[in-house]
PDB file of all heavy atoms in Angstrom:
ATOM      1  N   PHE A   1      -3.886   2.548   3.524  1.00  0.00           N
ATOM      2  CA  PHE A   1      -4.286   3.960   3.491  1.00  0.00           C
ATOM      3  C   PHE A   1      -5.175   4.296   4.690  1.00  0.00           C
ATOM      4  O   PHE A   1      -6.372   4.505   4.520  1.00  0.00           O
ATOM      5  CB  PHE A   1      -5.065   4.264   2.205  1.00  0.00           C
ATOM      6  CG  PHE A   1      -4.334   3.972   0.931  1.00  0.00           C
ATOM      7  CD1 PHE A   1      -4.894   3.146  -0.020  1.00  0.00           C
ATOM      8  CD2 PHE A   1      -3.111   4.545   0.659  1.00  0.00           C
ATOM      9  CE1 PHE A   1      -4.246   2.876  -1.216  1.00  0.00           C
ATOM     10  CE2 PHE A   1      -2.450   4.284  -0.539  1.00  0.00           C
ATOM     11  CZ  PHE A   1      -3.018   3.450  -1.478  1.00  0.00           C
ATOM     12  N   PRO A   2      -4.623   4.372   5.911  1.00  0.00           N
ATOM     13  CA  PRO A   2      -5.474   4.720   7.052  1.00  0.00           C
ATOM     14  C   PRO A   2      -6.035   6.143   6.923  1.00  0.00           C
ATOM     15  O   PRO A   2      -7.100   6.442   7.444  1.00  0.00           O
ATOM     16  CB  PRO A   2      -4.550   4.590   8.263  1.00  0.00           C
ATOM     17  CG  PRO A   2      -3.168   4.583   7.728  1.00  0.00           C
ATOM     18  CD  PRO A   2      -3.242   4.124   6.306  1.00  0.00           C
ATOM     19  N   GLU A   3      -5.316   6.978   6.199  1.00  0.00           N
ATOM     20  CA  GLU A   3      -5.816   8.305   5.846  1.00  0.00           C
ATOM     21  C   GLU A   3      -6.410   8.188   4.432  1.00  0.00           C
ATOM     22  O   GLU A   3      -6.437   7.104   3.871  1.00  0.00           O
ATOM     23  CB  GLU A   3      -4.684   9.344   5.882  1.00  0.00           C
ATOM     24  CG  GLU A   3      -3.589   9.154   4.861  1.00  0.00           C
ATOM     25  CD  GLU A   3      -2.592   8.009   5.133  1.00  0.00           C
ATOM     26  OE1 GLU A   3      -2.500   7.508   6.249  1.00  0.00           O
ATOM     27  OE2 GLU A   3      -1.924   7.629   4.163  1.00  0.00           O
ATOM     28  N   ALA A   4      -6.863   9.253   3.876  1.00  0.00           N
ATOM     29  CA  ALA A   4      -7.427   9.209   2.523  1.00  0.00           C
ATOM     30  C   ALA A   4      -6.352   8.766   1.532  1.00  0.00           C
ATOM     31  O   ALA A   4      -5.218   9.249   1.587  1.00  0.00           O
ATOM     32  CB  ALA A   4      -7.964  10.579   2.134  1.00  0.00           C
ATOM     33  N   PRO A   5      -6.680   7.845   0.612  1.00  0.00           N
ATOM     34  CA  PRO A   5      -5.678   7.415  -0.374  1.00  0.00           C
ATOM     35  C   PRO A   5      -5.366   8.530  -1.373  1.00  0.00           C
ATOM     36  O   PRO A   5      -6.225   9.345  -1.691  1.00  0.00           O
ATOM     37  CB  PRO A   5      -6.353   6.236  -1.076  1.00  0.00           C
ATOM     38  CG  PRO A   5      -7.804   6.441  -0.870  1.00  0.00           C
ATOM     39  CD  PRO A   5      -7.964   7.174   0.434  1.00  0.00           C
ATOM     40  N   PHE A   6      -4.145   8.552  -1.819  1.00  0.00           N
ATOM     41  CA  PHE A   6      -3.752   9.497  -2.861  1.00  0.00           C
ATOM     42  C   PHE A   6      -4.082   8.885  -4.219  1.00  0.00           C
ATOM     43  O   PHE A   6      -4.326   7.685  -4.331  1.00  0.00           O
ATOM     44  CB  PHE A   6      -2.258   9.820  -2.749  1.00  0.00           C
ATOM     45  CG  PHE A   6      -1.361   8.696  -3.189  1.00  0.00           C
ATOM     46  CD1 PHE A   6      -0.835   8.677  -4.469  1.00  0.00           C
ATOM     47  CD2 PHE A   6      -1.045   7.649  -2.334  1.00  0.00           C
ATOM     48  CE1 PHE A   6      -0.014   7.635  -4.885  1.00  0.00           C
ATOM     49  CE2 PHE A   6      -0.222   6.607  -2.739  1.00  0.00           C
ATOM     50  CZ  PHE A   6       0.295   6.603  -4.014  1.00  0.00           C
ATOM     51  N   GLN A   7      -4.085   9.689  -5.248  1.00  0.00           N
ATOM     52  CA  GLN A   7      -4.243   9.223  -6.622  1.00  0.00           C
ATOM     53  C   GLN A   7      -3.069   9.735  -7.431  1.00  0.00           C
ATOM     54  O   GLN A   7      -2.607  10.852  -7.223  1.00  0.00           O
ATOM     55  CB  GLN A   7      -5.554   9.724  -7.238  1.00  0.00           C
ATOM     56  CG  GLN A   7      -6.799   9.099  -6.642  1.00  0.00           C
ATOM     57  CD  GLN A   7      -6.867   7.600  -6.879  1.00  0.00           C
ATOM     58  OE1 GLN A   7      -6.782   7.131  -7.998  1.00  0.00           O
ATOM     59  NE2 GLN A   7      -6.987   6.836  -5.801  1.00  0.00           N
ATOM     60  N   GLY A   8      -2.573   8.913  -8.332  1.00  0.00           N
ATOM     61  CA  GLY A   8      -1.444   9.306  -9.162  1.00  0.00           C
ATOM     62  C   GLY A   8      -0.131   8.880  -8.548  1.00  0.00           C
ATOM     63  O   GLY A   8      -0.026   7.797  -7.984  1.00  0.00           O
ATOM     64  N   PHE A   9       0.871   9.744  -8.634  1.00  0.00           N
ATOM     65  CA  PHE A   9       2.226   9.457  -8.155  1.00  0.00           C
ATOM     66  C   PHE A   9       2.502  10.196  -6.855  1.00  0.00           C
ATOM     67  O   PHE A   9       2.139  11.362  -6.712  1.00  0.00           O
ATOM     68  CB  PHE A   9       3.256   9.866  -9.210  1.00  0.00           C
ATOM     69  CG  PHE A   9       4.682   9.651  -8.772  1.00  0.00           C
ATOM     70  CD1 PHE A   9       5.254   8.394  -8.831  1.00  0.00           C
ATOM     71  CD2 PHE A   9       5.436  10.708  -8.281  1.00  0.00           C
ATOM     72  CE1 PHE A   9       6.569   8.178  -8.416  1.00  0.00           C
ATOM     73  CE2 PHE A   9       6.748  10.507  -7.865  1.00  0.00           C
ATOM     74  CZ  PHE A   9       7.307   9.240  -7.937  1.00  0.00           C
ATOM     75  N   LEU A  10       3.171   9.517  -5.911  1.00  0.00           N
ATOM     76  CA  LEU A  10       3.586  10.129  -4.651  1.00  0.00           C
ATOM     77  C   LEU A  10       5.058   9.785  -4.421  1.00  0.00           C
ATOM     78  O   LEU A  10       5.419   8.600  -4.382  1.00  0.00           O
ATOM     79  CB  LEU A  10       2.743   9.599  -3.490  1.00  0.00           C
ATOM     80  CG  LEU A  10       2.990  10.226  -2.126  1.00  0.00           C
ATOM     81  CD1 LEU A  10       2.468  11.676  -2.104  1.00  0.00           C
ATOM     82  CD2 LEU A  10       2.298   9.420  -1.041  1.00  0.00           C
ATOM     83  N   PRO A  11       5.930  10.796  -4.284  1.00  0.00           N
ATOM     84  CA  PRO A  11       7.345  10.512  -4.033  1.00  0.00           C
ATOM     85  C   PRO A  11       7.535   9.706  -2.743  1.00  0.00           C
ATOM     86  O   PRO A  11       6.810   9.896  -1.763  1.00  0.00           O
ATOM     87  CB  PRO A  11       7.973  11.908  -3.897  1.00  0.00           C
ATOM     88  CG  PRO A  11       7.043  12.818  -4.640  1.00  0.00           C
ATOM     89  CD  PRO A  11       5.666  12.234  -4.418  1.00  0.00           C
ATOM     90  N   ALA A  12       8.505   8.808  -2.745  1.00  0.00           N
ATOM     91  CA  ALA A  12       8.758   7.901  -1.626  1.00  0.00           C
ATOM     92  C   ALA A  12       9.009   8.624  -0.316  1.00  0.00           C
ATOM     93  O   ALA A  12       8.639   8.125   0.751  1.00  0.00           O
ATOM     94  CB  ALA A  12       9.927   6.980  -1.957  1.00  0.00           C
ATOM     95  N   GLU A  13       9.616   9.802  -0.366  1.00  0.00           N
ATOM     96  CA  GLU A  13       9.947  10.500   0.888  1.00  0.00           C
ATOM     97  C   GLU A  13       8.719  11.075   1.597  1.00  0.00           C
ATOM     98  O   GLU A  13       8.806  11.470   2.757  1.00  0.00           O
ATOM     99  CB  GLU A  13      11.008  11.591   0.663  1.00  0.00           C
ATOM    100  CG  GLU A  13      10.603  12.690  -0.272  1.00  0.00           C
ATOM    101  CD  GLU A  13      10.976  12.432  -1.723  1.00  0.00           C
ATOM    102  OE1 GLU A  13      11.407  11.310  -2.057  1.00  0.00           O
ATOM    103  OE2 GLU A  13      10.827  13.356  -2.527  1.00  0.00           O
ATOM    104  N   LEU A  14       7.567  11.087   0.949  1.00  0.00           N
ATOM    105  CA  LEU A  14       6.369  11.650   1.575  1.00  0.00           C
ATOM    106  C   LEU A  14       5.582  10.640   2.410  1.00  0.00           C
ATOM    107  O   LEU A  14       4.774  11.033   3.251  1.00  0.00           O
ATOM    108  CB  LEU A  14       5.456  12.271   0.519  1.00  0.00           C
ATOM    109  CG  LEU A  14       6.057  13.448  -0.244  1.00  0.00           C
ATOM    110  CD1 LEU A  14       5.047  14.020  -1.223  1.00  0.00           C
ATOM    111  CD2 LEU A  14       6.559  14.524   0.719  1.00  0.00           C
ATOM    112  N   CYS A  15       5.788   9.344   2.190  1.00  0.00           N
ATOM    113  CA  CYS A  15       5.104   8.326   2.976  1.00  0.00           C
ATOM    114  C   CYS A  15       5.811   6.989   2.781  1.00  0.00           C
ATOM    115  O   CYS A  15       6.297   6.706   1.689  1.00  0.00           O
ATOM    116  CB  CYS A  15       3.638   8.200   2.559  1.00  0.00           C
ATOM    117  SG  CYS A  15       2.701   7.165   3.693  1.00  0.00           S
ATOM    118  N   ASP A  16       5.817   6.169   3.825  1.00  0.00           N
ATOM    119  CA  ASP A  16       6.497   4.886   3.756  1.00  0.00           C
ATOM    120  C   ASP A  16       5.488   3.755   3.527  1.00  0.00           C
ATOM    121  O   ASP A  16       5.179   2.992   4.443  1.00  0.00           O
ATOM    122  CB  ASP A  16       7.309   4.646   5.031  1.00  0.00           C
ATOM    123  CG  ASP A  16       8.159   3.392   4.964  1.00  0.00           C
ATOM    124  OD1 ASP A  16       8.229   2.770   3.887  1.00  0.00           O
ATOM    125  OD2 ASP A  16       8.743   3.027   5.989  1.00  0.00           O
ATOM    126  N   TYR A  17       4.984   3.661   2.326  1.00  0.00           N
ATOM    127  CA  TYR A  17       4.045   2.583   1.992  1.00  0.00           C
ATOM    128  C   TYR A  17       4.740   1.231   1.950  1.00  0.00           C
ATOM    129  O   TYR A  17       4.105   0.204   2.118  1.00  0.00           O
ATOM    130  CB  TYR A  17       3.327   2.860   0.669  1.00  0.00           C
ATOM    131  CG  TYR A  17       2.322   3.980   0.792  1.00  0.00           C
ATOM    132  CD1 TYR A  17       2.550   5.210   0.200  1.00  0.00           C
ATOM    133  CD2 TYR A  17       1.144   3.793   1.498  1.00  0.00           C
ATOM    134  CE1 TYR A  17       1.633   6.242   0.319  1.00  0.00           C
ATOM    135  CE2 TYR A  17       0.223   4.820   1.629  1.00  0.00           C
ATOM    136  CZ  TYR A  17       0.468   6.041   1.034  1.00  0.00           C
ATOM    137  OH  TYR A  17      -0.450   7.051   1.169  1.00  0.00           O
ATOM    138  N   ARG A  18       6.034   1.228   1.735  1.00  0.00           N
ATOM    139  CA  ARG A  18       6.790  -0.027   1.724  1.00  0.00           C
ATOM    140  C   ARG A  18       6.664  -0.726   3.080  1.00  0.00           C
ATOM    141  O   ARG A  18       6.357  -1.913   3.145  1.00  0.00           O
ATOM    142  CB  ARG A  18       8.253   0.241   1.394  1.00  0.00           C
ATOM    143  CG  ARG A  18       9.129  -1.000   1.504  1.00  0.00           C
ATOM    144  CD  ARG A  18      10.583  -0.669   1.282  1.00  0.00           C
ATOM    145  NE  ARG A  18      10.906  -0.999  -0.096  1.00  0.00           N
ATOM    146  CZ  ARG A  18      12.056  -0.708  -0.672  1.00  0.00           C
ATOM    147  NH1 ARG A  18      12.980  -0.045  -0.020  1.00  0.00           N
ATOM    148  NH2 ARG A  18      12.296  -1.074  -1.908  1.00  0.00           N
ATOM    149  N   SER A  19       6.886  -0.003   4.164  1.00  0.00           N
ATOM    150  CA  SER A  19       6.776  -0.604   5.504  1.00  0.00           C
ATOM    151  C   SER A  19       5.359  -1.087   5.791  1.00  0.00           C
ATOM    152  O   SER A  19       5.174  -2.162   6.362  1.00  0.00           O
ATOM    153  CB  SER A  19       7.201   0.396   6.577  1.00  0.00           C
ATOM    154  OG  SER A  19       8.578   0.637   6.489  1.00  0.00           O
ATOM    155  N   ARG A  20       4.376  -0.300   5.406  1.00  0.00           N
ATOM    156  CA  ARG A  20       2.980  -0.712   5.607  1.00  0.00           C
ATOM    157  C   ARG A  20       2.675  -1.989   4.828  1.00  0.00           C
ATOM    158  O   ARG A  20       2.005  -2.886   5.326  1.00  0.00           O
ATOM    159  CB  ARG A  20       2.017   0.389   5.175  1.00  0.00           C
ATOM    160  CG  ARG A  20       2.034   1.588   6.066  1.00  0.00           C
ATOM    161  CD  ARG A  20       1.036   2.609   5.584  1.00  0.00           C
ATOM    162  NE  ARG A  20       1.223   3.875   6.275  1.00  0.00           N
ATOM    163  CZ  ARG A  20       0.525   4.965   6.010  1.00  0.00           C
ATOM    164  NH1 ARG A  20      -0.409   4.950   5.083  1.00  0.00           N
ATOM    165  NH2 ARG A  20       0.752   6.080   6.671  1.00  0.00           N
ATOM    166  N   THR A  21       3.188  -2.057   3.621  1.00  0.00           N
ATOM    167  CA  THR A  21       2.973  -3.247   2.797  1.00  0.00           C
ATOM    168  C   THR A  21       3.600  -4.471   3.451  1.00  0.00           C
ATOM    169  O   THR A  21       2.964  -5.518   3.561  1.00  0.00           O
ATOM    170  CB  THR A  21       3.542  -3.032   1.380  1.00  0.00           C
ATOM    171  OG1 THR A  21       2.850  -1.958   0.758  1.00  0.00           O
ATOM    172  CG2 THR A  21       3.420  -4.289   0.533  1.00  0.00           C
ATOM    173  N   LEU A  22       4.839  -4.342   3.891  1.00  0.00           N
ATOM    174  CA  LEU A  22       5.526  -5.473   4.515  1.00  0.00           C
ATOM    175  C   LEU A  22       4.849  -5.894   5.818  1.00  0.00           C
ATOM    176  O   LEU A  22       4.777  -7.084   6.130  1.00  0.00           O
ATOM    177  CB  LEU A  22       6.994  -5.136   4.755  1.00  0.00           C
ATOM    178  CG  LEU A  22       7.829  -4.906   3.495  1.00  0.00           C
ATOM    179  CD1 LEU A  22       9.240  -4.465   3.858  1.00  0.00           C
ATOM    180  CD2 LEU A  22       7.844  -6.126   2.601  1.00  0.00           C
ATOM    181  N   LYS A  23       4.332  -4.953   6.569  1.00  0.00           N
ATOM    182  CA  LYS A  23       3.712  -5.245   7.859  1.00  0.00           C
ATOM    183  C   LYS A  23       2.337  -5.911   7.730  1.00  0.00           C
ATOM    184  O   LYS A  23       2.009  -6.824   8.471  1.00  0.00           O
ATOM    185  CB  LYS A  23       3.581  -3.953   8.666  1.00  0.00           C
ATOM    186  CG  LYS A  23       2.996  -4.148  10.050  1.00  0.00           C
ATOM    187  CD  LYS A  23       2.991  -2.856  10.828  1.00  0.00           C
ATOM    188  CE  LYS A  23       2.424  -3.072  12.223  1.00  0.00           C
ATOM    189  NZ  LYS A  23       2.438  -1.820  12.998  1.00  0.00           N
ATOM    190  N   TYR A  24       1.531  -5.464   6.764  1.00  0.00           N
ATOM    191  CA  TYR A  24       0.126  -5.877   6.714  1.00  0.00           C
ATOM    192  C   TYR A  24      -0.229  -6.814   5.561  1.00  0.00           C
ATOM    193  O   TYR A  24      -1.383  -7.183   5.397  1.00  0.00           O
ATOM    194  CB  TYR A  24      -0.778  -4.642   6.640  1.00  0.00           C
ATOM    195  CG  TYR A  24      -0.692  -3.759   7.856  1.00  0.00           C
ATOM    196  CD1 TYR A  24      -0.160  -2.479   7.768  1.00  0.00           C
ATOM    197  CD2 TYR A  24      -1.128  -4.211   9.090  1.00  0.00           C
ATOM    198  CE1 TYR A  24      -0.086  -1.660   8.887  1.00  0.00           C
ATOM    199  CE2 TYR A  24      -1.058  -3.403  10.213  1.00  0.00           C
ATOM    200  CZ  TYR A  24      -0.535  -2.128  10.097  1.00  0.00           C
ATOM    201  OH  TYR A  24      -0.459  -1.334  11.211  1.00  0.00           O
ATOM    202  N   SER A  25       0.723  -7.212   4.772  1.00  0.00           N
ATOM    203  CA  SER A  25       0.401  -8.001   3.578  1.00  0.00           C
ATOM    204  C   SER A  25       0.154  -9.469   3.892  1.00  0.00           C
ATOM    205  O   SER A  25       0.609  -9.997   4.908  1.00  0.00           O
ATOM    206  CB  SER A  25       1.511  -7.871   2.543  1.00  0.00           C
ATOM    207  OG  SER A  25       2.725  -8.367   3.065  1.00  0.00           O
ATOM    208  N   PHE A  26      -0.579 -10.114   2.979  1.00  0.00           N
ATOM    209  CA  PHE A  26      -0.822 -11.555   3.029  1.00  0.00           C
ATOM    210  C   PHE A  26      -1.102 -12.005   1.602  1.00  0.00           C
ATOM    211  O   PHE A  26      -1.198 -11.185   0.687  1.00  0.00           O
ATOM    212  CB  PHE A  26      -1.974 -11.907   3.991  1.00  0.00           C
ATOM    213  CG  PHE A  26      -3.287 -11.251   3.666  1.00  0.00           C
ATOM    214  CD1 PHE A  26      -4.274 -11.930   2.965  1.00  0.00           C
ATOM    215  CD2 PHE A  26      -3.549  -9.942   4.074  1.00  0.00           C
ATOM    216  CE1 PHE A  26      -5.490 -11.332   2.667  1.00  0.00           C
ATOM    217  CE2 PHE A  26      -4.762  -9.337   3.780  1.00  0.00           C
ATOM    218  CZ  PHE A  26      -5.730 -10.032   3.080  1.00  0.00           C
ATOM    219  N   TYR A  27      -1.239 -13.314   1.392  1.00  0.00           N
ATOM    220  CA  TYR A  27      -1.405 -13.865   0.047  1.00  0.00           C
ATOM    221  C   TYR A  27      -2.777 -14.518  -0.106  1.00  0.00           C
ATOM    222  O   TYR A  27      -3.225 -15.237   0.788  1.00  0.00           O
ATOM    223  CB  TYR A  27      -0.310 -14.908  -0.237  1.00  0.00           C
ATOM    224  CG  TYR A  27       1.064 -14.304  -0.332  1.00  0.00           C
ATOM    225  CD1 TYR A  27       1.808 -14.027   0.812  1.00  0.00           C
ATOM    226  CD2 TYR A  27       1.616 -13.983  -1.561  1.00  0.00           C
ATOM    227  CE1 TYR A  27       3.070 -13.456   0.726  1.00  0.00           C
ATOM    228  CE2 TYR A  27       2.873 -13.418  -1.654  1.00  0.00           C
ATOM    229  CZ  TYR A  27       3.587 -13.151  -0.509  1.00  0.00           C
ATOM    230  OH  TYR A  27       4.831 -12.579  -0.601  1.00  0.00           O
ATOM    231  N   ILE A  28      -3.421 -14.237  -1.242  1.00  0.00           N
ATOM    232  CA  ILE A  28      -4.666 -14.927  -1.603  1.00  0.00           C
ATOM    233  C   ILE A  28      -4.641 -15.191  -3.110  1.00  0.00           C
ATOM    234  O   ILE A  28      -3.820 -14.633  -3.833  1.00  0.00           O
ATOM    235  CB  ILE A  28      -5.941 -14.134  -1.220  1.00  0.00           C
ATOM    236  CG1 ILE A  28      -6.081 -12.856  -2.048  1.00  0.00           C
ATOM    237  CG2 ILE A  28      -5.988 -13.833   0.268  1.00  0.00           C
ATOM    238  CD1 ILE A  28      -7.446 -12.202  -1.911  1.00  0.00           C
ATOM    239  N   GLU A  29      -5.569 -16.018  -3.568  1.00  0.00           N
ATOM    240  CA  GLU A  29      -5.653 -16.319  -4.996  1.00  0.00           C
ATOM    241  C   GLU A  29      -5.925 -15.041  -5.776  1.00  0.00           C
ATOM    242  O   GLU A  29      -6.755 -14.220  -5.380  1.00  0.00           O
ATOM    243  CB  GLU A  29      -6.748 -17.343  -5.270  1.00  0.00           C
ATOM    244  CG  GLU A  29      -6.384 -18.728  -4.808  1.00  0.00           C
ATOM    245  CD  GLU A  29      -7.458 -19.751  -5.112  1.00  0.00           C
ATOM    246  OE1 GLU A  29      -8.545 -19.388  -5.614  1.00  0.00           O
ATOM    247  OE2 GLU A  29      -7.209 -20.934  -4.844  1.00  0.00           O
ATOM    248  N   ARG A  30      -5.242 -14.926  -6.910  1.00  0.00           N
ATOM    249  CA  ARG A  30      -5.349 -13.709  -7.721  1.00  0.00           C
ATOM    250  C   ARG A  30      -6.787 -13.418  -8.140  1.00  0.00           C
ATOM    251  O   ARG A  30      -7.228 -12.278  -8.079  1.00  0.00           O
ATOM    252  CB  ARG A  30      -4.447 -13.830  -8.954  1.00  0.00           C
ATOM    253  CG  ARG A  30      -4.496 -12.608  -9.824  1.00  0.00           C
ATOM    254  CD  ARG A  30      -3.515 -12.665 -10.940  1.00  0.00           C
ATOM    255  NE  ARG A  30      -3.694 -11.527 -11.824  1.00  0.00           N
ATOM    256  CZ  ARG A  30      -2.924 -11.240 -12.835  1.00  0.00           C
ATOM    257  NH1 ARG A  30      -1.886 -12.008 -13.095  1.00  0.00           N
ATOM    258  NH2 ARG A  30      -3.160 -10.200 -13.589  1.00  0.00           N
ATOM    259  N   GLU A  31      -7.528 -14.434  -8.547  1.00  0.00           N
ATOM    260  CA  GLU A  31      -8.894 -14.177  -9.011  1.00  0.00           C
ATOM    261  C   GLU A  31      -9.767 -13.621  -7.890  1.00  0.00           C
ATOM    262  O   GLU A  31     -10.656 -12.807  -8.147  1.00  0.00           O
ATOM    263  CB  GLU A  31      -9.519 -15.408  -9.662  1.00  0.00           C
ATOM    264  CG  GLU A  31      -9.708 -16.588  -8.758  1.00  0.00           C
ATOM    265  CD  GLU A  31     -10.217 -17.820  -9.497  1.00  0.00           C
ATOM    266  OE1 GLU A  31     -10.040 -17.915 -10.731  1.00  0.00           O
ATOM    267  OE2 GLU A  31     -10.793 -18.687  -8.828  1.00  0.00           O
ATOM    268  N   LYS A  32      -9.515 -14.008  -6.649  1.00  0.00           N
ATOM    269  CA  LYS A  32     -10.248 -13.441  -5.513  1.00  0.00           C
ATOM    270  C   LYS A  32      -9.820 -11.999  -5.265  1.00  0.00           C
ATOM    271  O   LYS A  32     -10.652 -11.137  -4.993  1.00  0.00           O
ATOM    272  CB  LYS A  32     -10.031 -14.285  -4.255  1.00  0.00           C
ATOM    273  CG  LYS A  32     -10.691 -15.636  -4.317  1.00  0.00           C
ATOM    274  CD  LYS A  32     -10.423 -16.448  -3.062  1.00  0.00           C
ATOM    275  CE  LYS A  32     -11.031 -17.831  -3.198  1.00  0.00           C
ATOM    276  NZ  LYS A  32     -10.720 -18.682  -2.034  1.00  0.00           N
ATOM    277  N   ALA A  33      -8.526 -11.757  -5.348  1.00  0.00           N
ATOM    278  CA  ALA A  33      -8.002 -10.400  -5.144  1.00  0.00           C
ATOM    279  C   ALA A  33      -8.559  -9.435  -6.186  1.00  0.00           C
ATOM    280  O   ALA A  33      -8.894  -8.292  -5.867  1.00  0.00           O
ATOM    281  CB  ALA A  33      -6.482 -10.415  -5.201  1.00  0.00           C
TER     282      ALA A  33
END
């Protein structure tokens, strides 16, 4: 969310969070997350 995060539901055509997730994601232990 480089801009202000939304709350609730946002239709997929309004923003591509999928690409951001794939680009910037990494894995850590669940309890730390």
